[in-house]
Protein backbone atom coordinates (compact mmCIF):
# COMPACT_ATOMS: atom_id res chain seq x y z
CA UNK A 1 0.01 -0.01 -0.02
CA UNK A 2 1.20 3.59 -0.88
CA UNK A 3 2.27 5.97 1.85
CA UNK A 4 -0.46 7.41 4.09
CA UNK A 5 0.14 11.11 4.59
CA UNK A 6 -2.25 13.31 6.69
CA UNK A 7 -5.33 14.12 4.85
CA UNK A 8 -4.77 17.87 5.06
CA UNK A 9 -1.60 17.72 3.05
CA UNK A 10 -2.89 15.54 0.15
CA UNK A 11 -2.42 17.33 -3.19
CA UNK A 12 -5.46 18.76 -4.94
CA UNK A 13 -5.36 16.19 -7.50
CA UNK A 14 -6.04 13.46 -4.93
CA UNK A 15 -8.86 15.33 -3.18
CA UNK A 16 -12.59 15.98 -3.99
CA UNK A 17 -15.46 17.58 -2.26
CA UNK A 18 -18.93 16.38 -2.98
CA UNK A 19 -22.18 17.57 -1.23
CA UNK A 20 -19.98 18.92 1.67
CA UNK A 21 -17.98 15.82 2.33
CA UNK A 22 -14.13 15.85 1.69
CA UNK A 23 -12.74 12.76 0.04
CA UNK A 24 -9.43 11.30 -0.67
CA UNK A 25 -9.32 10.18 -4.20
CA UNK A 26 -7.68 6.79 -4.61
CA UNK A 27 -7.61 5.43 -8.16
CA UNK A 28 -7.16 1.70 -8.27
CA UNK A 29 -4.60 -0.07 -10.64
CA UNK A 30 -7.37 -1.82 -12.55
CA UNK A 31 -9.22 1.44 -13.30
CA UNK A 32 -11.68 1.28 -10.26
CA UNK A 33 -12.24 4.27 -8.04
CA UNK A 34 -12.01 4.56 -4.33
CA UNK A 35 -13.14 7.69 -2.44
CA UNK A 36 -12.50 7.78 1.30
CA UNK A 37 -14.14 10.38 3.44
CA UNK A 38 -11.97 12.56 5.52
CA UNK A 39 -13.29 11.16 8.88
CA UNK A 40 -12.39 7.69 7.56
CA UNK A 41 -8.94 8.48 6.31
CA UNK A 42 -7.46 6.65 9.33
CA UNK A 43 -9.37 3.58 8.22
CA UNK A 44 -7.64 3.62 4.85
CA UNK A 45 -5.89 0.34 5.24
CA UNK A 46 -9.18 -1.48 5.98
CA UNK A 47 -11.08 0.00 3.01
CA UNK A 48 -8.70 -0.84 0.19
CA UNK A 49 -10.81 -3.09 -2.20
CA UNK A 50 -8.42 -6.05 -2.06
CA UNK A 51 -9.33 -6.52 1.64
CA UNK A 52 -13.09 -7.25 1.07
CA UNK A 53 -13.61 -7.40 -2.80
CA UNK A 54 -13.02 -10.43 -4.94
CA UNK A 55 -11.79 -8.99 -8.32
CA UNK A 56 -11.92 -12.31 -9.99
CA UNK A 57 -15.47 -13.16 -9.05
CA UNK A 58 -16.64 -9.52 -8.85
CA UNK A 59 -18.12 -10.35 -5.40
CA UNK A 60 -17.83 -9.22 -1.82
CA UNK A 61 -15.92 -11.46 0.50
CA UNK A 62 -18.42 -11.73 3.27
CA UNK A 63 -21.80 -12.76 4.69
CA UNK A 64 -24.82 -11.37 2.78
CA UNK A 65 -27.17 -10.07 5.21
CA UNK A 66 -30.88 -11.18 5.30
CA UNK A 67 -33.92 -8.88 5.78
CA UNK A 68 -32.82 -6.25 3.45
CA UNK A 69 -34.42 -5.42 0.13
CA UNK A 70 -31.00 -4.38 -1.18
CA UNK A 71 -27.63 -6.08 -1.46
CA UNK A 72 -25.78 -5.75 1.79
CA UNK A 73 -22.80 -7.71 3.28
CA UNK A 74 -20.90 -7.93 6.44
CA UNK A 75 -17.25 -8.16 5.43
CA UNK A 76 -14.22 -8.52 7.70
CA UNK A 77 -11.03 -6.61 6.82
CA UNK A 78 -7.77 -7.59 8.29
CA UNK A 79 -4.73 -5.65 7.07
CA UNK A 80 -1.39 -7.06 8.01
CA UNK A 81 -0.43 -5.98 11.48
CA UNK A 82 -3.68 -4.39 12.43
CA UNK A 83 -6.65 -5.83 14.28
CA UNK A 84 -9.47 -7.03 12.20
CA UNK A 85 -12.54 -4.72 11.64
CA UNK A 86 -16.02 -5.56 10.24
CA UNK A 87 -17.44 -3.42 7.40
CA UNK A 88 -20.94 -2.99 5.99
CA UNK A 89 -20.65 -3.22 2.16
CA UNK A 90 -23.78 -2.02 0.36
CA UNK A 91 -24.42 -1.84 -3.35
CA UNK A 92 -26.11 1.34 -4.24
CA UNK A 93 -29.59 1.23 -5.87
CA UNK A 94 -29.10 4.65 -7.62
CA UNK A 95 -31.79 5.32 -10.23
CA UNK A 96 -33.44 1.97 -9.72
CA UNK A 97 -37.09 1.47 -8.96
CA UNK A 98 -38.08 1.83 -5.13
CA UNK A 99 -39.86 -1.13 -3.65
CA UNK A 100 -41.35 0.97 -0.98
CA UNK A 101 -43.82 -0.41 1.57
CA UNK A 102 -44.73 1.69 4.66
CA UNK A 103 -47.03 0.15 7.34
CA UNK A 104 -50.22 2.10 8.14
CA UNK A 105 -49.02 3.04 11.54
CA UNK A 106 -46.29 5.19 10.08
CA UNK A 107 -47.94 6.57 7.01
CA UNK A 108 -49.33 9.63 9.06
CA UNK A 109 -45.92 10.88 9.63
CA UNK A 110 -45.28 11.37 5.79
CA UNK A 111 -46.27 14.29 3.62
CA UNK A 112 -48.66 13.79 0.69
CA UNK A 113 -46.81 12.53 -2.38
CA UNK A 114 -43.61 11.53 -0.51
CA UNK A 115 -43.94 7.77 -1.19
CA UNK A 116 -44.90 8.36 -4.93
CA UNK A 117 -41.95 10.66 -5.48
CA UNK A 118 -39.46 8.34 -3.59
CA UNK A 119 -35.93 8.13 -5.26
CA UNK A 120 -32.85 6.36 -4.01
CA UNK A 121 -30.10 8.81 -3.32
CA UNK A 122 -26.79 8.52 -5.12
CA UNK A 123 -23.98 7.37 -2.87
CA UNK A 124 -22.41 10.68 -2.69
CA UNK A 125 -25.56 12.49 -2.00
CA UNK A 126 -26.44 9.90 0.75
CA UNK A 127 -23.01 10.52 2.34
CA UNK A 128 -23.56 14.26 2.12
CA UNK A 129 -26.82 14.16 3.88
CA UNK A 130 -25.77 11.66 6.41
CA UNK A 131 -22.70 13.85 7.12
CA UNK A 132 -24.94 16.82 7.69
CA UNK A 133 -27.26 14.88 9.95
CA UNK A 134 -24.49 13.53 12.09
CA UNK A 135 -23.03 16.99 12.51
CA UNK A 136 -26.17 19.00 12.96
CA UNK A 137 -25.69 21.55 15.52
CA UNK A 138 -28.92 20.27 17.25
CA UNK A 139 -27.74 16.64 17.32
CA UNK A 140 -25.67 16.51 20.52
CA UNK A 141 -26.07 15.64 24.16
CA UNK A 142 -27.28 12.61 25.86
CA UNK A 143 -30.27 11.86 23.48
CA UNK A 144 -28.49 12.58 20.25
CA UNK A 145 -29.45 10.40 17.33
CA UNK A 146 -26.88 7.69 16.54
CA UNK A 147 -26.27 6.67 13.05
CA UNK A 148 -23.86 4.35 11.27
CA UNK A 149 -20.60 5.78 10.10
CA UNK A 150 -20.12 6.37 6.42
CA UNK A 151 -16.55 5.54 5.32
CA UNK A 152 -15.98 5.22 1.64
CA UNK A 153 -17.43 4.78 -1.89
CA UNK A 154 -15.98 2.31 -4.27
CA UNK A 155 -16.80 1.85 -8.04
CA UNK A 156 -15.34 -1.26 -9.68
CA UNK A 157 -14.09 -0.61 -13.39
CA UNK A 158 -16.46 -3.21 -14.84
CA UNK A 159 -19.35 -1.85 -17.04
CA UNK A 160 -22.80 -3.29 -17.61
CA UNK A 161 -25.55 -2.45 -20.11
CA UNK A 162 -28.15 -0.17 -18.72
CA UNK A 163 -30.84 -2.95 -18.87
CA UNK A 164 -28.76 -5.10 -16.69
CA UNK A 165 -28.31 -2.41 -13.96
CA UNK A 166 -32.00 -1.71 -13.75
CA UNK A 167 -31.47 1.98 -13.74
CA UNK A 168 -33.60 4.62 -15.30
CA UNK A 169 -31.39 6.88 -17.39
CA UNK A 170 -33.40 10.07 -17.07
CA UNK A 171 -33.24 9.73 -13.11
CA UNK A 172 -29.61 8.75 -13.30
CA UNK A 173 -29.02 12.00 -15.15
CA UNK A 174 -30.68 14.25 -12.55
CA UNK A 175 -28.05 12.81 -10.10
CA UNK A 176 -25.28 13.50 -12.46
CA UNK A 177 -26.47 17.20 -13.04
CA UNK A 178 -26.81 17.75 -9.24
CA UNK A 179 -23.18 16.51 -8.61
CA UNK A 180 -21.68 18.50 -11.41
CA UNK A 181 -23.48 21.59 -10.26
CA UNK A 182 -22.26 20.97 -6.63
CA UNK A 183 -18.75 20.64 -7.67
CA UNK A 184 -18.68 23.65 -10.09
CA UNK A 185 -15.14 25.05 -10.33
CA UNK A 186 -14.20 24.08 -6.72
CA UNK A 187 -10.60 23.52 -7.94
CA UNK A 188 -10.48 19.84 -6.75
CA UNK A 189 -10.89 16.48 -8.63
CA UNK A 190 -14.40 16.41 -10.28
CA UNK A 191 -16.21 13.30 -9.53
CA UNK A 192 -18.71 11.92 -12.01
CA UNK A 193 -21.18 9.12 -12.03
CA UNK A 194 -21.13 6.50 -14.73
CA UNK A 195 -24.50 4.86 -15.52
CA UNK A 196 -22.82 1.57 -16.48
CA UNK A 197 -20.78 1.07 -13.37
CA UNK A 198 -21.70 -0.19 -9.91
CA UNK A 199 -21.24 2.07 -6.80
CA UNK A 200 -20.51 0.31 -3.55
CA UNK A 201 -20.88 2.12 -0.21
CA UNK A 202 -18.84 1.15 2.77
CA UNK A 203 -19.85 1.74 6.36
CA UNK A 204 -18.59 0.78 9.90
CA UNK A 205 -20.34 -2.29 11.35
CA UNK A 206 -22.57 -1.70 14.35
CA UNK A 207 -22.65 -4.34 16.91
CA UNK A 208 -26.18 -5.64 18.06
CA UNK A 209 -29.31 -6.96 16.50
CA UNK A 210 -32.05 -5.11 14.74
CA UNK A 211 -35.28 -4.13 16.62
CA UNK A 212 -37.47 -6.58 14.80
CA UNK A 213 -35.21 -9.42 15.81
CA UNK A 214 -35.14 -8.12 19.25
CA UNK A 215 -39.00 -8.25 19.22
CA UNK A 216 -38.88 -11.85 17.98
CA UNK A 217 -36.57 -12.80 20.79
CA UNK A 218 -39.01 -11.30 23.36
CA UNK A 219 -36.85 -8.42 24.21
CA UNK A 220 -39.39 -5.90 22.82
CA UNK A 221 -43.14 -6.28 22.85
CA UNK A 222 -45.20 -5.02 19.81
CA UNK A 223 -46.12 -1.73 21.31
CA UNK A 224 -42.67 -0.85 22.33
CA UNK A 225 -41.47 -1.83 18.94
CA UNK A 226 -43.85 0.73 17.22
CA UNK A 227 -42.97 3.38 19.90
CA UNK A 228 -39.26 2.95 19.25
CA UNK A 229 -39.62 3.33 15.54
CA UNK A 230 -41.89 6.26 16.01
CA UNK A 231 -39.22 7.73 18.50
CA UNK A 232 -36.57 7.53 15.73
CA UNK A 233 -38.85 9.28 13.27
CA UNK A 234 -39.46 12.04 15.68
CA UNK A 235 -35.80 12.38 16.33
CA UNK A 236 -35.08 12.67 12.62
CA UNK A 237 -37.95 15.18 12.27
CA UNK A 238 -36.64 17.34 14.98
CA UNK A 239 -33.26 17.58 13.11
CA UNK A 240 -35.10 18.45 9.88
CA UNK A 241 -34.95 15.11 8.21
CA UNK A 242 -37.07 12.03 7.32
CA UNK A 243 -36.27 8.45 6.08
CA UNK A 244 -39.15 7.25 3.94
CA UNK A 245 -38.80 3.58 4.70
CA UNK A 246 -37.72 3.80 8.33
CA UNK A 247 -38.72 0.53 10.09
CA UNK A 248 -37.62 -1.63 13.05
CA UNK A 249 -35.09 -3.42 10.83
CA UNK A 250 -33.25 -0.31 10.40
CA UNK A 251 -32.75 0.32 14.17
CA UNK A 252 -29.88 -1.69 15.95
CA UNK A 253 -30.24 -2.35 19.49
CA UNK A 254 -27.75 -3.92 22.07
CA UNK A 255 -28.82 -7.04 24.08
CA UNK A 256 -27.34 -7.33 27.50
CA UNK A 257 -26.36 -10.43 29.39
CA UNK A 258 -29.36 -10.09 31.65
CA UNK A 259 -31.81 -10.44 28.88
CA UNK A 260 -32.62 -6.67 28.59
CA UNK A 261 -31.60 -4.16 26.02
CA UNK A 262 -28.99 -1.53 26.71
CA UNK A 263 -30.58 1.73 28.18
CA UNK A 264 -29.16 5.10 28.86
CA UNK A 265 -30.90 7.77 30.81
CA UNK A 266 -34.18 5.80 30.79
CA UNK A 267 -34.21 5.23 27.06
CA UNK A 268 -33.32 2.22 24.84
CA UNK A 269 -30.15 2.90 23.02
CA UNK A 270 -30.46 2.45 19.25
CA UNK A 271 -28.58 3.21 16.05
CA UNK A 272 -30.24 4.04 12.74
CA UNK A 273 -28.46 2.13 9.81
CA UNK A 274 -30.43 2.91 6.53
CA UNK A 275 -30.39 6.24 4.68
CA UNK A 276 -30.70 5.49 1.03
CA UNK A 277 -34.17 7.32 1.26
CA UNK A 278 -33.11 10.00 3.55
CA UNK A 279 -34.50 13.48 2.91
CA UNK A 280 -34.41 17.00 4.41
CA UNK A 281 -37.55 18.68 5.30
CA UNK A 282 -37.92 21.55 2.86
CA UNK A 283 -39.06 23.99 5.50
CA UNK A 284 -36.00 23.18 7.72
CA UNK A 285 -33.49 23.52 4.84
CA UNK A 286 -32.39 27.04 5.89
CA UNK A 287 -31.89 26.03 9.51
CA UNK A 288 -29.49 23.09 8.85
CA UNK A 289 -27.36 24.44 6.06
């Protein structure tokens, strides 16, 4: 692996800034592209594709996670001389159809038309919104909203015809245009999206089980399960955001040895993990810029 200088001294030709997130641009020998977010730069050794990506089979070395409508894996990365770390590796569904189902008990929290107009975020837009959410000035203190940590975006060099990707070209172009406008003459590397390439998001693994599994194990009753999900929706709304498909499977809780869930300050501790349908409330946009 190449030298690992501090992020702040990387030359401009190795840096990009997209939707408010600073990236180290790490071109791969085979033509792939790796974009490591500034907060994850110290994770660089773990994020290199050869640690978790099988170039020969074009597949993730890891366990595919059940219960998700997307393609998500848990992968262990173990660079030489470093302790292993688990990663979440997720294929972006950018510009694909949204298979959205929202239970009746949560529909009342969504504005009219939100479901019909749902679109998956591009990986860079998702990282940008999640970065804003995590650093929102209102999101601090003992009751802050915990989320998974976005680390890097990888695009393998292989290309596929549009029919095979399942993407809608008109939707894809709106994402291309938004990225181009955001990076207009910022003096750094201009990151573009290719409709024929995959984009893979990498996050830090969160220990625990999802709230639905906790309910099945008897750690949460049905009423508390709904209340926990509503609580996470309210926490998002307070910060000026919503996730259209937020559900118990997207909340990770921590079982304890005594058969209860981890609590702090009288509340169940949970971490939100799915943000590909994250949105900002239009009326809160000014407040959180």
